[in-house]
PDB file of all heavy atoms in Angstrom:
ATOM      1  N   HIS A   1      27.172 177.672  64.375  1.00  0.00           N
ATOM      2  CA  HIS A   1      28.379 178.230  64.836  1.00  0.00           C
ATOM      3  C   HIS A   1      28.720 177.913  66.257  1.00  0.00           C
ATOM      4  O   HIS A   1      29.496 178.568  66.905  1.00  0.00           O
ATOM      5  CB  HIS A   1      28.248 179.793  64.767  1.00  0.00           C
ATOM      6  CG  HIS A   1      27.960 180.316  63.336  1.00  0.00           C
ATOM      7  ND1 HIS A   1      28.735 179.918  62.262  1.00  0.00           N
ATOM      8  CD2 HIS A   1      26.893 181.060  62.893  1.00  0.00           C
ATOM      9  CE1 HIS A   1      28.267 180.501  61.142  1.00  0.00           C
ATOM     10  NE2 HIS A   1      27.144 181.165  61.485  1.00  0.00           N
ATOM     11  N   LEU A   2      27.992 176.880  66.860  1.00  0.00           N
ATOM     12  CA  LEU A   2      28.093 176.600  68.231  1.00  0.00           C
ATOM     13  C   LEU A   2      29.580 176.269  68.628  1.00  0.00           C
ATOM     14  O   LEU A   2      29.975 176.768  69.652  1.00  0.00           O
ATOM     15  CB  LEU A   2      27.292 175.381  68.543  1.00  0.00           C
ATOM     16  CG  LEU A   2      27.187 174.845  69.989  1.00  0.00           C
ATOM     17  CD1 LEU A   2      26.633 175.863  70.882  1.00  0.00           C
ATOM     18  CD2 LEU A   2      26.472 173.510  70.067  1.00  0.00           C
ATOM     19  N   SER A   3      30.296 175.540  67.856  1.00  0.00           N
ATOM     20  CA  SER A   3      31.626 175.134  68.201  1.00  0.00           C
ATOM     21  C   SER A   3      32.590 176.328  68.327  1.00  0.00           C
ATOM     22  O   SER A   3      33.559 176.300  69.067  1.00  0.00           O
ATOM     23  CB  SER A   3      32.190 174.102  67.210  1.00  0.00           C
ATOM     24  OG  SER A   3      32.301 174.752  65.917  1.00  0.00           O
ATOM     25  N   TRP A   4      32.271 177.359  67.665  1.00  0.00           N
ATOM     26  CA  TRP A   4      33.133 178.631  67.710  1.00  0.00           C
ATOM     27  C   TRP A   4      33.069 179.306  69.045  1.00  0.00           C
ATOM     28  O   TRP A   4      34.003 180.117  69.326  1.00  0.00           O
ATOM     29  CB  TRP A   4      32.758 179.579  66.564  1.00  0.00           C
ATOM     30  CG  TRP A   4      33.314 179.090  65.292  1.00  0.00           C
ATOM     31  CD1 TRP A   4      32.709 178.380  64.316  1.00  0.00           C
ATOM     32  CD2 TRP A   4      34.716 179.257  64.809  1.00  0.00           C
ATOM     33  NE1 TRP A   4      33.533 178.091  63.316  1.00  0.00           N
ATOM     34  CE2 TRP A   4      34.761 178.624  63.551  1.00  0.00           C
ATOM     35  CE3 TRP A   4      35.786 179.855  65.364  1.00  0.00           C
ATOM     36  CZ2 TRP A   4      35.934 178.556  62.790  1.00  0.00           C
ATOM     37  CZ3 TRP A   4      36.996 179.804  64.559  1.00  0.00           C
ATOM     38  CH2 TRP A   4      37.052 179.187  63.354  1.00  0.00           C
ATOM     39  N   VAL A   5      32.099 179.059  69.888  1.00  0.00           N
ATOM     40  CA  VAL A   5      32.030 179.636  71.210  1.00  0.00           C
ATOM     41  C   VAL A   5      33.255 179.071  72.018  1.00  0.00           C
ATOM     42  O   VAL A   5      33.885 179.824  72.824  1.00  0.00           O
ATOM     43  CB  VAL A   5      30.701 179.347  71.955  1.00  0.00           C
ATOM     44  CG1 VAL A   5      30.722 179.860  73.310  1.00  0.00           C
ATOM     45  CG2 VAL A   5      29.501 179.906  71.088  1.00  0.00           C
ATOM     46  N   VAL A   6      33.600 177.879  71.780  1.00  0.00           N
ATOM     47  CA  VAL A   6      34.780 177.215  72.375  1.00  0.00           C
ATOM     48  C   VAL A   6      36.019 177.500  71.606  1.00  0.00           C
ATOM     49  O   VAL A   6      37.062 177.921  72.091  1.00  0.00           O
ATOM     50  CB  VAL A   6      34.536 175.752  72.577  1.00  0.00           C
ATOM     51  CG1 VAL A   6      35.768 175.100  73.225  1.00  0.00           C
ATOM     52  CG2 VAL A   6      33.324 175.423  73.455  1.00  0.00           C
ATOM     53  N   THR A   7      35.968 177.331  70.298  1.00  0.00           N
ATOM     54  CA  THR A   7      37.158 177.449  69.462  1.00  0.00           C
ATOM     55  C   THR A   7      37.716 178.794  69.387  1.00  0.00           C
ATOM     56  O   THR A   7      38.948 179.051  69.501  1.00  0.00           O
ATOM     57  CB  THR A   7      36.802 177.046  67.939  1.00  0.00           C
ATOM     58  OG1 THR A   7      36.344 175.705  67.966  1.00  0.00           O
ATOM     59  CG2 THR A   7      38.055 177.136  67.095  1.00  0.00           C
ATOM     60  N   ALA A   8      36.813 179.882  69.512  1.00  0.00           N
ATOM     61  CA  ALA A   8      37.328 181.250  69.475  1.00  0.00           C
ATOM     62  C   ALA A   8      38.256 181.549  70.697  1.00  0.00           C
ATOM     63  O   ALA A   8      39.286 182.232  70.577  1.00  0.00           O
ATOM     64  CB  ALA A   8      36.205 182.250  69.487  1.00  0.00           C
ATOM     65  N   TYR A   9      37.829 181.024  71.854  1.00  0.00           N
ATOM     66  CA  TYR A   9      38.646 181.235  73.042  1.00  0.00           C
ATOM     67  C   TYR A   9      40.081 180.516  72.995  1.00  0.00           C
ATOM     68  O   TYR A   9      41.056 181.123  73.307  1.00  0.00           O
ATOM     69  CB  TYR A   9      37.869 180.717  74.312  1.00  0.00           C
ATOM     70  CG  TYR A   9      38.549 181.066  75.635  1.00  0.00           C
ATOM     71  CD1 TYR A   9      38.315 182.290  76.280  1.00  0.00           C
ATOM     72  CD2 TYR A   9      39.453 180.152  76.173  1.00  0.00           C
ATOM     73  CE1 TYR A   9      38.909 182.527  77.493  1.00  0.00           C
ATOM     74  CE2 TYR A   9      40.003 180.385  77.458  1.00  0.00           C
ATOM     75  CZ  TYR A   9      39.810 181.641  78.058  1.00  0.00           C
ATOM     76  OH  TYR A   9      40.354 181.904  79.245  1.00  0.00           O
ATOM     77  N   ILE A  10      39.976 179.215  72.577  1.00  0.00           N
ATOM     78  CA  ILE A  10      41.224 178.480  72.567  1.00  0.00           C
ATOM     79  C   ILE A  10      42.175 179.034  71.478  1.00  0.00           C
ATOM     80  O   ILE A  10      43.421 179.100  71.642  1.00  0.00           O
ATOM     81  CB  ILE A  10      40.923 176.935  72.188  1.00  0.00           C
ATOM     82  CG1 ILE A  10      40.133 176.328  73.345  1.00  0.00           C
ATOM     83  CG2 ILE A  10      42.204 176.199  71.929  1.00  0.00           C
ATOM     84  CD1 ILE A  10      39.687 174.917  73.123  1.00  0.00           C
ATOM     85  N   LEU A  11      41.607 179.395  70.272  1.00  0.00           N
ATOM     86  CA  LEU A  11      42.446 179.854  69.173  1.00  0.00           C
ATOM     87  C   LEU A  11      43.061 181.207  69.634  1.00  0.00           C
ATOM     88  O   LEU A  11      44.282 181.383  69.413  1.00  0.00           O
ATOM     89  CB  LEU A  11      41.555 180.180  67.952  1.00  0.00           C
ATOM     90  CG  LEU A  11      42.234 180.854  66.773  1.00  0.00           C
ATOM     91  CD1 LEU A  11      43.360 179.950  66.308  1.00  0.00           C
ATOM     92  CD2 LEU A  11      41.216 181.012  65.642  1.00  0.00           C
ATOM     93  N   ALA A  12      42.295 182.120  70.193  1.00  0.00           N
ATOM     94  CA  ALA A  12      42.869 183.399  70.593  1.00  0.00           C
ATOM     95  C   ALA A  12      43.972 183.238  71.693  1.00  0.00           C
ATOM     96  O   ALA A  12      45.077 183.888  71.729  1.00  0.00           O
ATOM     97  CB  ALA A  12      41.800 184.330  71.071  1.00  0.00           C
ATOM     98  N   SER A  13      43.693 182.330  72.696  1.00  0.00           N
ATOM     99  CA  SER A  13      44.674 182.184  73.708  1.00  0.00           C
ATOM    100  C   SER A  13      45.912 181.420  73.236  1.00  0.00           C
ATOM    101  O   SER A  13      47.096 181.808  73.741  1.00  0.00           O
ATOM    102  CB  SER A  13      43.991 181.367  74.880  1.00  0.00           C
ATOM    103  OG  SER A  13      43.679 180.000  74.434  1.00  0.00           O
ATOM    104  N   THR A  14      45.742 180.574  72.322  1.00  0.00           N
ATOM    105  CA  THR A  14      46.980 179.916  71.806  1.00  0.00           C
ATOM    106  C   THR A  14      47.858 180.866  70.994  1.00  0.00           C
ATOM    107  O   THR A  14      49.088 180.866  71.116  1.00  0.00           O
ATOM    108  CB  THR A  14      46.583 178.739  70.796  1.00  0.00           C
ATOM    109  OG1 THR A  14      45.708 177.849  71.514  1.00  0.00           O
ATOM    110  CG2 THR A  14      47.778 178.081  70.288  1.00  0.00           C
ATOM    111  N   ILE A  15      47.227 181.830  70.250  1.00  0.00           N
ATOM    112  CA  ILE A  15      48.026 182.704  69.460  1.00  0.00           C
ATOM    113  C   ILE A  15      48.648 183.784  70.391  1.00  0.00           C
ATOM    114  O   ILE A  15      49.853 184.210  70.143  1.00  0.00           O
ATOM    115  CB  ILE A  15      47.089 183.496  68.493  1.00  0.00           C
ATOM    116  CG1 ILE A  15      46.625 182.511  67.388  1.00  0.00           C
ATOM    117  CG2 ILE A  15      47.795 184.692  67.892  1.00  0.00           C
ATOM    118  CD1 ILE A  15      45.629 183.081  66.458  1.00  0.00           C
ATOM    119  N   ALA A  16      47.951 184.214  71.437  1.00  0.00           N
ATOM    120  CA  ALA A  16      48.430 185.258  72.308  1.00  0.00           C
ATOM    121  C   ALA A  16      49.534 184.812  73.256  1.00  0.00           C
ATOM    122  O   ALA A  16      50.392 185.635  73.579  1.00  0.00           O
ATOM    123  CB  ALA A  16      47.249 185.815  73.136  1.00  0.00           C
ATOM    124  N   ALA A  17      49.615 183.540  73.623  1.00  0.00           N
ATOM    125  CA  ALA A  17      50.527 183.121  74.628  1.00  0.00           C
ATOM    126  C   ALA A  17      51.986 183.484  74.349  1.00  0.00           C
ATOM    127  O   ALA A  17      52.670 184.091  75.203  1.00  0.00           O
ATOM    128  CB  ALA A  17      50.362 181.588  74.878  1.00  0.00           C
ATOM    129  N   PRO A  18      52.482 183.143  73.204  1.00  0.00           N
ATOM    130  CA  PRO A  18      53.909 183.443  73.025  1.00  0.00           C
ATOM    131  C   PRO A  18      54.205 184.959  72.890  1.00  0.00           C
ATOM    132  O   PRO A  18      55.310 185.401  73.233  1.00  0.00           O
ATOM    133  CB  PRO A  18      54.261 182.785  71.627  1.00  0.00           C
ATOM    134  CG  PRO A  18      52.878 182.600  70.961  1.00  0.00           C
ATOM    135  CD  PRO A  18      51.923 182.379  72.038  1.00  0.00           C
ATOM    136  N   LEU A  19      53.183 185.735  72.509  1.00  0.00           N
ATOM    137  CA  LEU A  19      53.410 187.227  72.448  1.00  0.00           C
ATOM    138  C   LEU A  19      53.547 187.735  73.896  1.00  0.00           C
ATOM    139  O   LEU A  19      54.392 188.584  74.126  1.00  0.00           O
ATOM    140  CB  LEU A  19      52.216 187.848  71.718  1.00  0.00           C
ATOM    141  CG  LEU A  19      51.982 187.547  70.304  1.00  0.00           C
ATOM    142  CD1 LEU A  19      50.713 188.230  69.744  1.00  0.00           C
ATOM    143  CD2 LEU A  19      53.265 187.911  69.474  1.00  0.00           C
ATOM    144  N   TYR A  20      52.719 187.298  74.759  1.00  0.00           N
ATOM    145  CA  TYR A  20      52.741 187.755  76.211  1.00  0.00           C
ATOM    146  C   TYR A  20      54.063 187.305  76.877  1.00  0.00           C
ATOM    147  O   TYR A  20      54.631 188.039  77.642  1.00  0.00           O
ATOM    148  CB  TYR A  20      51.598 187.136  76.952  1.00  0.00           C
ATOM    149  CG  TYR A  20      50.313 187.891  76.819  1.00  0.00           C
ATOM    150  CD1 TYR A  20      49.240 187.291  76.172  1.00  0.00           C
ATOM    151  CD2 TYR A  20      50.122 189.123  77.355  1.00  0.00           C
ATOM    152  CE1 TYR A  20      48.032 187.968  76.003  1.00  0.00           C
ATOM    153  CE2 TYR A  20      48.969 189.827  77.228  1.00  0.00           C
ATOM    154  CZ  TYR A  20      47.918 189.262  76.548  1.00  0.00           C
ATOM    155  OH  TYR A  20      46.748 189.961  76.395  1.00  0.00           O
ATOM    156  N   GLY A  21      54.593 186.139  76.498  1.00  0.00           N
ATOM    157  CA  GLY A  21      55.823 185.767  77.130  1.00  0.00           C
ATOM    158  C   GLY A  21      56.945 186.686  76.733  1.00  0.00           C
ATOM    159  O   GLY A  21      57.734 187.129  77.565  1.00  0.00           O
ATOM    160  N   LYS A  22      56.993 187.074  75.483  1.00  0.00           N
ATOM    161  CA  LYS A  22      58.089 188.011  74.971  1.00  0.00           C
ATOM    162  C   LYS A  22      57.823 189.399  75.530  1.00  0.00           C
ATOM    163  O   LYS A  22      58.734 190.078  75.962  1.00  0.00           O
ATOM    164  CB  LYS A  22      58.067 188.073  73.403  1.00  0.00           C
ATOM    165  CG  LYS A  22      59.201 188.827  72.890  1.00  0.00           C
ATOM    166  CD  LYS A  22      60.658 188.249  73.324  1.00  0.00           C
ATOM    167  CE  LYS A  22      61.785 189.010  72.689  1.00  0.00           C
ATOM    168  NZ  LYS A  22      63.076 188.467  73.107  1.00  0.00           N
ATOM    169  N   LEU A  23      56.568 189.913  75.471  1.00  0.00           N
ATOM    170  CA  LEU A  23      56.282 191.266  75.990  1.00  0.00           C
ATOM    171  C   LEU A  23      56.576 191.409  77.418  1.00  0.00           C
ATOM    172  O   LEU A  23      57.031 192.406  77.941  1.00  0.00           O
ATOM    173  CB  LEU A  23      54.764 191.591  75.637  1.00  0.00           C
ATOM    174  CG  LEU A  23      54.547 191.807  74.125  1.00  0.00           C
ATOM    175  CD1 LEU A  23      53.039 191.975  73.942  1.00  0.00           C
ATOM    176  CD2 LEU A  23      55.251 192.990  73.611  1.00  0.00           C
ATOM    177  N   GLY A  24      56.246 190.291  78.192  1.00  0.00           N
ATOM    178  CA  GLY A  24      56.598 190.271  79.573  1.00  0.00           C
ATOM    179  C   GLY A  24      58.061 190.398  79.912  1.00  0.00           C
ATOM    180  O   GLY A  24      58.497 191.132  80.802  1.00  0.00           O
ATOM    181  N   ASP A  25      58.843 189.770  79.070  1.00  0.00           N
ATOM    182  CA  ASP A  25      60.300 189.852  79.211  1.00  0.00           C
ATOM    183  C   ASP A  25      60.819 191.273  78.848  1.00  0.00           C
ATOM    184  O   ASP A  25      61.730 191.753  79.478  1.00  0.00           O
ATOM    185  CB  ASP A  25      60.985 188.819  78.351  1.00  0.00           C
ATOM    186  CG  ASP A  25      60.955 187.362  78.869  1.00  0.00           C
ATOM    187  OD1 ASP A  25      60.705 187.280  80.024  1.00  0.00           O
ATOM    188  OD2 ASP A  25      61.215 186.480  78.067  1.00  0.00           O
TER     189      ASP A  25
END
């Protein structure tokens, strides 16, 4: 599961980015 230490961060940040943009507005 080694790659998921990196993938989990990138996946979560990619999904969250557009939500934060709208919520910030």
